[in-house]
C-alpha atoms as a PDB file:
ATOM      1  CA  MET A   1      -3.515  21.294   5.959  1.00  0.00           C
ATOM      2  CA  ASN A   2      -0.384  21.318   4.674  1.00  0.00           C
ATOM      3  CA  GLY A   3       2.482  18.343   4.336  1.00  0.00           C
ATOM      4  CA  VAL A   4       2.249  14.454   4.358  1.00  0.00           C
ATOM      5  CA  ILE A   5      -0.151  12.850   7.121  1.00  0.00           C
ATOM      6  CA  ASN A   6       1.366  10.847   9.367  1.00  0.00           C
ATOM      7  CA  VAL A   7      -0.533   7.767  10.085  1.00  0.00           C
ATOM      8  CA  SER A   8       0.200   8.115  13.415  1.00  0.00           C
ATOM      9  CA  GLU A   9      -2.021  11.053  13.735  1.00  0.00           C
ATOM     10  CA  PHE A  10      -4.456   8.685  13.188  1.00  0.00           C
ATOM     11  CA  LYS A  11      -6.460   7.742  16.428  1.00  0.00           C
ATOM     12  CA  SER A  12      -5.037   4.173  17.410  1.00  0.00           C
ATOM     13  CA  LYS A  13      -4.744   2.031  20.130  1.00  0.00           C
ATOM     14  CA  PRO A  14      -1.309   0.125  20.392  1.00  0.00           C
ATOM     15  CA  ASP A  15      -0.856  -3.209  18.681  1.00  0.00           C
ATOM     16  CA  ALA A  16      -1.332  -6.180  21.156  1.00  0.00           C
ATOM     17  CA  ILE A  17      -2.983  -8.169  18.704  1.00  0.00           C
ATOM     18  CA  PHE A  18      -0.377 -11.259  19.137  1.00  0.00           C
ATOM     19  CA  SER A  19       1.120 -10.251  22.588  1.00  0.00           C
ATOM     20  CA  GLU A  20      -0.953 -12.923  24.353  1.00  0.00           C
ATOM     21  CA  PRO A  21      -0.104 -17.162  23.616  1.00  0.00           C
ATOM     22  CA  LEU A  22      -2.884 -18.218  20.936  1.00  0.00           C
ATOM     23  CA  GLN A  23      -3.901 -21.875  21.186  1.00  0.00           C
ATOM     24  CA  GLN A  24      -3.911 -21.589  17.173  1.00  0.00           C
ATOM     25  CA  VAL A  25      -2.866 -18.486  14.852  1.00  0.00           C
ATOM     26  CA  SER A  26      -5.643 -18.236  12.768  1.00  0.00           C
ATOM     27  CA  ASP A  27      -4.764 -16.353   9.089  1.00  0.00           C
ATOM     28  CA  PHE A  28      -4.507 -12.542   9.373  1.00  0.00           C
ATOM     29  CA  VAL A  29      -7.829 -10.932   8.275  1.00  0.00           C
ATOM     30  CA  PHE A  30      -8.222  -7.031   8.327  1.00  0.00           C
ATOM     31  CA  ASP A  31     -11.139  -6.724  10.661  1.00  0.00           C
ATOM     32  CA  GLN A  32     -12.256  -4.175  12.942  1.00  0.00           C
ATOM     33  CA  ARG A  33      -9.939  -5.219  15.586  1.00  0.00           C
ATOM     34  CA  VAL A  34      -7.021  -4.900  13.260  1.00  0.00           C
ATOM     35  CA  VAL A  35      -8.962  -1.370  12.313  1.00  0.00           C
ATOM     36  CA  GLU A  36      -8.376  -0.182  15.835  1.00  0.00           C
ATOM     37  CA  VAL A  37      -4.441  -0.869  16.348  1.00  0.00           C
ATOM     38  CA  PHE A  38      -3.446  -0.552  12.440  1.00  0.00           C
ATOM     39  CA  PRO A  39      -1.761   2.972  12.549  1.00  0.00           C
ATOM     40  CA  ASP A  40       0.366   1.583  15.497  1.00  0.00           C
ATOM     41  CA  MET A  41       1.134  -1.809  13.680  1.00  0.00           C
ATOM     42  CA  ILE A  42       1.666  -0.081  10.663  1.00  0.00           C
ATOM     43  CA  ASN A  43       4.295   2.506  11.814  1.00  0.00           C
ATOM     44  CA  ARG A  44       5.819  -0.324  13.848  1.00  0.00           C
ATOM     45  CA  SER A  45       6.056  -3.185  11.175  1.00  0.00           C
ATOM     46  CA  VAL A  46       6.740  -1.612   7.867  1.00  0.00           C
ATOM     47  CA  PRO A  47      10.142   0.487   7.650  1.00  0.00           C
ATOM     48  CA  GLY A  48      10.257   3.592   5.903  1.00  0.00           C
ATOM     49  CA  TYR A  49       6.319   3.762   5.755  1.00  0.00           C
ATOM     50  CA  GLN A  50       6.384   7.543   6.298  1.00  0.00           C
ATOM     51  CA  SER A  51       8.918   8.229   3.495  1.00  0.00           C
ATOM     52  CA  ILE A  52       7.116   5.948   1.515  1.00  0.00           C
ATOM     53  CA  LEU A  53       3.710   8.000   1.926  1.00  0.00           C
ATOM     54  CA  GLN A  54       5.840  11.144   1.777  1.00  0.00           C
ATOM     55  CA  GLY A  55       7.010   9.791  -1.620  1.00  0.00           C
ATOM     56  CA  ILE A  56       3.954   9.084  -3.191  1.00  0.00           C
ATOM     57  CA  GLY A  57       2.440  12.307  -2.303  1.00  0.00           C
ATOM     58  CA  GLN A  58       5.533  13.649  -4.535  1.00  0.00           C
ATOM     59  CA  LEU A  59       5.166  11.384  -7.397  1.00  0.00           C
ATOM     60  CA  THR A  60       1.506  12.248  -7.707  1.00  0.00           C
ATOM     61  CA  LYS A  61       1.978  15.875  -7.690  1.00  0.00           C
ATOM     62  CA  ARG A  62       4.511  14.955 -10.628  1.00  0.00           C
ATOM     63  CA  TYR A  63       2.266  12.532 -12.510  1.00  0.00           C
ATOM     64  CA  ALA A  64      -0.971  13.332 -12.145  1.00  0.00           C
ATOM     65  CA  GLN A  65      -2.789  14.750 -15.213  1.00  0.00           C
ATOM     66  CA  ALA A  66      -5.935  17.037 -15.542  1.00  0.00           C
ATOM     67  CA  ASN A  67      -9.088  16.080 -15.564  1.00  0.00           C
ATOM     68  CA  SER A  68      -8.276  12.099 -14.789  1.00  0.00           C
ATOM     69  CA  ASN A  69      -9.206   9.810 -12.227  1.00  0.00           C
ATOM     70  CA  LEU A  70      -6.654   8.582  -9.383  1.00  0.00           C
ATOM     71  CA  TYR A  71      -6.826   5.363  -7.452  1.00  0.00           C
ATOM     72  CA  ASP A  72      -5.487   4.389  -4.020  1.00  0.00           C
ATOM     73  CA  LEU A  73      -6.220   0.336  -4.286  1.00  0.00           C
ATOM     74  CA  GLY A  74      -5.971  -1.051  -1.076  1.00  0.00           C
ATOM     75  CA  ALA A  75      -6.395   1.614   0.777  1.00  0.00           C
ATOM     76  CA  SER A  76      -6.890   0.395   4.336  1.00  0.00           C
ATOM     77  CA  LEU A  77      -7.405   3.711   6.359  1.00  0.00           C
ATOM     78  CA  GLY A  78      -6.250   5.937   3.627  1.00  0.00           C
ATOM     79  CA  ALA A  79      -3.315   7.422   4.807  1.00  0.00           C
ATOM     80  CA  ALA A  80      -1.589   7.190   0.898  1.00  0.00           C
ATOM     81  CA  THR A  81      -5.190   8.429  -0.270  1.00  0.00           C
ATOM     82  CA  LEU A  82      -4.624  11.468   1.886  1.00  0.00           C
ATOM     83  CA  ALA A  83      -0.810  11.755   0.671  1.00  0.00           C
ATOM     84  CA  MET A  84      -2.087  12.010  -3.064  1.00  0.00           C
ATOM     85  CA  ARG A  85      -5.129  14.314  -2.269  1.00  0.00           C
ATOM     86  CA  GLN A  86      -2.917  17.087  -0.653  1.00  0.00           C
ATOM     87  CA  ASN A  87      -0.817  16.946  -3.775  1.00  0.00           C
ATOM     88  CA  LEU A  88      -3.604  17.690  -6.146  1.00  0.00           C
ATOM     89  CA  GLN A  89      -4.775  21.109  -5.512  1.00  0.00           C
ATOM     90  CA  GLY A  90      -5.022  23.228  -8.088  1.00  0.00           C
ATOM     91  CA  LEU A  91      -4.918  20.345 -10.528  1.00  0.00           C
ATOM     92  CA  SER A  92      -8.611  20.997 -12.180  1.00  0.00           C
ATOM     93  CA  GLY A  93     -10.706  18.196 -13.366  1.00  0.00           C
ATOM     94  CA  VAL A  94      -9.147  15.163 -10.888  1.00  0.00           C
ATOM     95  CA  GLN A  95     -11.109  12.647  -8.430  1.00  0.00           C
ATOM     96  CA  LEU A  96     -10.015  10.516  -6.251  1.00  0.00           C
ATOM     97  CA  ILE A  97     -11.120   6.980  -5.733  1.00  0.00           C
ATOM     98  CA  ALA A  98     -10.060   4.810  -2.649  1.00  0.00           C
ATOM     99  CA  VAL A  99     -10.999   1.002  -2.776  1.00  0.00           C
ATOM    100  CA  ASP A 100     -10.864  -1.597  -0.185  1.00  0.00           C
ATOM    101  CA  ASN A 101     -12.564  -4.962   0.447  1.00  0.00           C
ATOM    102  CA  SER A 102     -12.846  -4.109   4.050  1.00  0.00           C
ATOM    103  CA  PRO A 103     -16.014  -2.898   5.471  1.00  0.00           C
ATOM    104  CA  ALA A 104     -14.137  -2.213   8.634  1.00  0.00           C
ATOM    105  CA  MET A 105     -11.391  -0.243   7.290  1.00  0.00           C
ATOM    106  CA  VAL A 106     -13.490   1.809   4.513  1.00  0.00           C
ATOM    107  CA  GLU A 107     -16.039   2.666   7.010  1.00  0.00           C
ATOM    108  CA  ARG A 108     -12.725   4.270   8.977  1.00  0.00           C
ATOM    109  CA  CYS A 109     -11.463   5.266   5.866  1.00  0.00           C
ATOM    110  CA  ARG A 110     -14.358   8.106   5.104  1.00  0.00           C
ATOM    111  CA  LEU A 111     -14.087   8.838   8.477  1.00  0.00           C
ATOM    112  CA  HIS A 112     -10.469  10.111   8.048  1.00  0.00           C
ATOM    113  CA  LEU A 113     -11.367  11.561   4.725  1.00  0.00           C
ATOM    114  CA  GLN A 114     -13.678  13.909   6.129  1.00  0.00           C
ATOM    115  CA  GLY A 115     -11.650  14.920   8.900  1.00  0.00           C
ATOM    116  CA  TYR A 116      -9.275  16.902   6.153  1.00  0.00           C
ATOM    117  CA  ARG A 117     -10.800  19.697   4.215  1.00  0.00           C
ATOM    118  CA  SER A 118      -9.544  19.919   0.227  1.00  0.00           C
ATOM    119  CA  ASP A 119     -11.255  20.864  -2.895  1.00  0.00           C
ATOM    120  CA  VAL A 120     -10.007  17.350  -4.172  1.00  0.00           C
ATOM    121  CA  PRO A 121     -13.393  15.001  -4.520  1.00  0.00           C
ATOM    122  CA  VAL A 122     -12.514  11.867  -3.116  1.00  0.00           C
ATOM    123  CA  SER A 123     -14.876   8.948  -3.174  1.00  0.00           C
ATOM    124  CA  VAL A 124     -14.592   5.368  -1.183  1.00  0.00           C
ATOM    125  CA  ARG A 125     -15.609   1.960  -2.163  1.00  0.00           C
ATOM    126  CA  CYS A 126     -16.112  -0.932  -0.289  1.00  0.00           C
ATOM    127  CA  GLU A 127     -15.005  -3.753  -3.040  1.00  0.00           C
ATOM    128  CA  ASP A 128     -12.246  -6.436  -4.263  1.00  0.00           C
ATOM    129  CA  ILE A 129      -9.372  -4.606  -6.399  1.00  0.00           C
ATOM    130  CA  GLN A 130      -9.896  -7.548  -8.668  1.00  0.00           C
ATOM    131  CA  GLN A 131     -13.256  -6.028  -9.927  1.00  0.00           C
ATOM    132  CA  SER A 132     -12.859  -2.489  -9.445  1.00  0.00           C
ATOM    133  CA  ALA A 133     -13.742  -0.672 -12.801  1.00  0.00           C
ATOM    134  CA  LEU A 134     -11.236   1.664 -13.806  1.00  0.00           C
ATOM    135  CA  GLU A 135     -11.469   4.271 -16.119  1.00  0.00           C
ATOM    136  CA  ASN A 136      -8.842   7.642 -17.608  1.00  0.00           C
ATOM    137  CA  ALA A 137      -6.215   7.046 -14.668  1.00  0.00           C
ATOM    138  CA  SER A 138      -3.392   9.132 -14.409  1.00  0.00           C
ATOM    139  CA  VAL A 139      -2.153   7.922 -10.546  1.00  0.00           C
ATOM    140  CA  VAL A 140      -2.835   4.671  -9.393  1.00  0.00           C
ATOM    141  CA  THR A 141      -1.541   3.712  -6.384  1.00  0.00           C
ATOM    142  CA  MET A 142      -1.101   0.034  -4.633  1.00  0.00           C
ATOM    143  CA  ASN A 143       0.504   0.496  -1.487  1.00  0.00           C
ATOM    144  CA  PHE A 144       1.447  -3.272   0.223  1.00  0.00           C
ATOM    145  CA  THR A 145      -1.827  -4.344  -1.308  1.00  0.00           C
ATOM    146  CA  LEU A 146      -0.295  -6.486  -4.159  1.00  0.00           C
ATOM    147  CA  GLN A 147       0.951  -9.279  -1.785  1.00  0.00           C
ATOM    148  CA  PHE A 148      -2.686 -10.045  -0.654  1.00  0.00           C
ATOM    149  CA  VAL A 149      -3.638 -10.749  -4.079  1.00  0.00           C
ATOM    150  CA  PRO A 150      -3.266 -14.470  -5.057  1.00  0.00           C
ATOM    151  CA  PRO A 151       0.017 -14.747  -7.027  1.00  0.00           C
ATOM    152  CA  GLU A 152      -1.249 -16.347 -10.286  1.00  0.00           C
ATOM    153  CA  GLN A 153      -4.310 -13.377 -10.460  1.00  0.00           C
ATOM    154  CA  ARG A 154      -1.718 -10.322 -10.186  1.00  0.00           C
ATOM    155  CA  HIS A 155      -0.415 -10.076 -13.781  1.00  0.00           C
ATOM    156  CA  ALA A 156      -4.598  -9.432 -14.684  1.00  0.00           C
ATOM    157  CA  VAL A 157      -4.724  -6.760 -11.732  1.00  0.00           C
ATOM    158  CA  LEU A 158      -1.972  -5.140 -13.542  1.00  0.00           C
ATOM    159  CA  ALA A 159      -2.862  -5.429 -16.703  1.00  0.00           C
ATOM    160  CA  ASN A 160      -6.252  -3.810 -16.255  1.00  0.00           C
ATOM    161  CA  ILE A 161      -4.235  -0.939 -14.313  1.00  0.00           C
ATOM    162  CA  TYR A 162      -2.281  -0.823 -17.529  1.00  0.00           C
ATOM    163  CA  ASP A 163      -5.001  -0.921 -19.561  1.00  0.00           C
ATOM    164  CA  ASN A 164      -6.710   1.919 -18.021  1.00  0.00           C
ATOM    165  CA  LEU A 165      -4.039   4.536 -17.792  1.00  0.00           C
ATOM    166  CA  ARG A 166      -3.620   7.123 -20.013  1.00  0.00           C
ATOM    167  CA  PRO A 167      -0.276   7.638 -21.705  1.00  0.00           C
ATOM    168  CA  GLY A 168       2.460   8.995 -19.411  1.00  0.00           C
ATOM    169  CA  GLY A 169       0.443   7.723 -16.405  1.00  0.00           C
ATOM    170  CA  VAL A 170       1.888   5.743 -13.386  1.00  0.00           C
ATOM    171  CA  LEU A 171       1.492   2.810 -11.307  1.00  0.00           C
ATOM    172  CA  LEU A 172       3.253   3.585  -7.684  1.00  0.00           C
ATOM    173  CA  LEU A 173       3.334  -0.094  -6.301  1.00  0.00           C
ATOM    174  CA  SER A 174       4.678  -0.636  -2.984  1.00  0.00           C
ATOM    175  CA  GLU A 175       5.773  -4.454  -1.803  1.00  0.00           C
ATOM    176  CA  LYS A 176       7.529  -6.494   0.671  1.00  0.00           C
ATOM    177  CA  PHE A 177      10.313  -8.670  -1.379  1.00  0.00           C
ATOM    178  CA  THR A 178      11.897 -11.968  -1.403  1.00  0.00           C
ATOM    179  CA  SER A 179      15.194 -12.027  -2.574  1.00  0.00           C
ATOM    180  CA  ALA A 180      16.863 -14.839  -4.855  1.00  0.00           C
ATOM    181  CA  ASP A 181      19.972 -15.359  -2.756  1.00  0.00           C
ATOM    182  CA  PRO A 182      19.134 -17.776   0.312  1.00  0.00           C
ATOM    183  CA  ALA A 183      21.676 -15.789   2.631  1.00  0.00           C
ATOM    184  CA  MET A 184      20.574 -12.268   1.541  1.00  0.00           C
ATOM    185  CA  ASN A 185      17.010 -13.097   2.128  1.00  0.00           C
ATOM    186  CA  ALA A 186      17.853 -14.875   5.371  1.00  0.00           C
ATOM    187  CA  MET A 187      19.874 -11.399   6.354  1.00  0.00           C
ATOM    188  CA  LEU A 188      16.449  -8.734   5.104  1.00  0.00           C
ATOM    189  CA  ILE A 189      14.640 -10.987   7.221  1.00  0.00           C
ATOM    190  CA  ASP A 190      16.636 -10.202  10.391  1.00  0.00           C
ATOM    191  CA  LEU A 191      17.327  -6.757   9.902  1.00  0.00           C
ATOM    192  CA  HIS A 192      13.176  -6.643   9.737  1.00  0.00           C
ATOM    193  CA  HIS A 193      13.040  -8.781  13.049  1.00  0.00           C
ATOM    194  CA  GLU A 194      15.191  -6.307  14.840  1.00  0.00           C
ATOM    195  CA  PHE A 195      13.211  -3.661  13.286  1.00  0.00           C
ATOM    196  CA  LYS A 196      10.069  -4.816  14.747  1.00  0.00           C
ATOM    197  CA  ARG A 197      11.983  -5.658  17.973  1.00  0.00           C
ATOM    198  CA  ALA A 198      13.248  -1.740  18.742  1.00  0.00           C
ATOM    199  CA  ASN A 199       9.860  -1.229  18.183  1.00  0.00           C
ATOM    200  CA  GLY A 200       8.444  -3.145  20.967  1.00  0.00           C
ATOM    201  CA  TYR A 201       7.386  -6.321  19.784  1.00  0.00           C
ATOM    202  CA  SER A 202       8.790  -9.274  21.502  1.00  0.00           C
ATOM    203  CA  GLU A 203       9.772 -12.477  19.919  1.00  0.00           C
ATOM    204  CA  LEU A 204       6.164 -13.859  20.465  1.00  0.00           C
ATOM    205  CA  GLU A 205       4.380 -11.069  18.551  1.00  0.00           C
ATOM    206  CA  ILE A 206       6.875 -11.575  16.143  1.00  0.00           C
ATOM    207  CA  SER A 207       6.474 -15.271  15.439  1.00  0.00           C
ATOM    208  CA  GLN A 208       2.606 -15.427  15.913  1.00  0.00           C
ATOM    209  CA  LYS A 209       2.184 -12.737  13.376  1.00  0.00           C
ATOM    210  CA  ARG A 210       4.495 -14.089  11.170  1.00  0.00           C
ATOM    211  CA  ALA A 211       2.359 -17.563  11.245  1.00  0.00           C
ATOM    212  CA  ALA A 212      -0.682 -15.538  11.032  1.00  0.00           C
ATOM    213  CA  ILE A 213       0.023 -13.571   7.917  1.00  0.00           C
ATOM    214  CA  GLU A 214       2.294 -16.193   5.609  1.00  0.00           C
ATOM    215  CA  ASN A 215      -0.854 -17.745   4.061  1.00  0.00           C
ATOM    216  CA  VAL A 216      -2.339 -14.440   3.008  1.00  0.00           C
ATOM    217  CA  MET A 217       0.861 -12.589   2.052  1.00  0.00           C
ATOM    218  CA  ARG A 218       2.594 -14.333  -0.525  1.00  0.00           C
ATOM    219  CA  ILE A 219       5.569 -12.042  -1.486  1.00  0.00           C
ATOM    220  CA  ASP A 220       7.389 -11.935  -4.999  1.00  0.00           C
ATOM    221  CA  SER A 221      11.327 -10.647  -5.897  1.00  0.00           C
ATOM    222  CA  LEU A 222      12.060  -7.523  -7.501  1.00  0.00           C
ATOM    223  CA  GLU A 223      12.996  -9.263 -10.447  1.00  0.00           C
ATOM    224  CA  THR A 224       9.615 -10.902 -10.502  1.00  0.00           C
ATOM    225  CA  HIS A 225       8.078  -7.601  -9.925  1.00  0.00           C
ATOM    226  CA  ARG A 226      10.034  -5.977 -12.685  1.00  0.00           C
ATOM    227  CA  GLN A 227       9.711  -8.412 -15.346  1.00  0.00           C
ATOM    228  CA  ARG A 228       5.885  -9.173 -14.871  1.00  0.00           C
ATOM    229  CA  LEU A 229       4.947  -4.988 -15.160  1.00  0.00           C
ATOM    230  CA  GLU A 230       7.453  -4.809 -18.096  1.00  0.00           C
ATOM    231  CA  ALA A 231       5.726  -7.798 -19.795  1.00  0.00           C
ATOM    232  CA  ILE A 232       2.587  -6.197 -19.412  1.00  0.00           C
ATOM    233  CA  GLY A 233       3.787  -3.054 -21.228  1.00  0.00           C
ATOM    234  CA  PHE A 234       5.302  -0.634 -18.961  1.00  0.00           C
ATOM    235  CA  SER A 235       8.150   1.134 -20.355  1.00  0.00           C
ATOM    236  CA  ALA A 236      10.011   2.089 -17.349  1.00  0.00           C
ATOM    237  CA  VAL A 237       9.946   0.390 -13.634  1.00  0.00           C
ATOM    238  CA  GLN A 238      12.520   1.886 -11.216  1.00  0.00           C
ATOM    239  CA  VAL A 239      12.312   1.373  -7.447  1.00  0.00           C
ATOM    240  CA  TRP A 240      12.683   4.583  -5.626  1.00  0.00           C
ATOM    241  CA  PHE A 241      12.638   3.410  -1.890  1.00  0.00           C
ATOM    242  CA  GLN A 242      14.276   0.447  -0.222  1.00  0.00           C
ATOM    243  CA  CYS A 243      14.677  -0.349   3.530  1.00  0.00           C
ATOM    244  CA  TYR A 244      15.538  -3.978   4.417  1.00  0.00           C
ATOM    245  CA  ASN A 245      12.871  -6.062   2.492  1.00  0.00           C
ATOM    246  CA  PHE A 246      10.551  -3.673   1.541  1.00  0.00           C
ATOM    247  CA  ALA A 247      10.500  -1.495  -1.800  1.00  0.00           C
ATOM    248  CA  ALA A 248       8.789   0.883  -3.505  1.00  0.00           C
ATOM    249  CA  MET A 249       8.227   1.016  -7.279  1.00  0.00           C
ATOM    250  CA  LEU A 250       7.393   3.550 -10.010  1.00  0.00           C
ATOM    251  CA  ALA A 251       5.904   1.987 -13.352  1.00  0.00           C
ATOM    252  CA  VAL A 252       5.629   4.722 -15.819  1.00  0.00           C
ATOM    253  CA  LYS A 253       3.128   3.940 -19.310  1.00  0.00           C
ATOM    254  CA  ALA A 254       5.081   5.618 -22.363  1.00  0.00           C
ATOM    255  CA  SER A 255       3.643   8.554 -23.706  1.00  0.00           C
END
């Protein structure tokens, strides 16, 4: 199949998880209930998501090296994995490894990957990315994954990626971010909430989802991301996509 996979093509129920008042809002988890609505949730919640997937495919085609491994860390249902896979045709000796720590996500990811034929081998691992053994990597994708790693452990995760990247290898990092300017940060949050309202979410859903996720998703500023990546050793860090308070970055290891 040619082109970029649109995550909305994945079978999905409408996201109504937070549509009714909850007596107590529990911390957000990627369980079976979320798996069933995830394609609808991600498209209605993350501005520019399809553009990011397309860019991941383009950058994979540009930076993937023959006889190397490519990783999608925090693969969820496999949309980024598929975007990468479609851009590896004709490149010899490559294999894709998708990693996620949610058994429900991994099970559905395997089904999605089986539904699209390709000569590029792909395996799916159910494990914590903090414990993942990486090796001989040319492209590593973390698509809205690092923000769920405890802040004090993020440097170690990224350093492990850097250490196992080939010279000229890249990290593709997509994240929600915060602005250091309080007024600008409030404006970006308002724009994101307007985006969600335009996609049919109610004020109750927006409020309850925010309460559910605030303890499990700790976001950094773009400057924090840049400084951390440069401190680890990446020779170039570039934001290649931004919409409101969501951004995608490219970090390159020197050749």
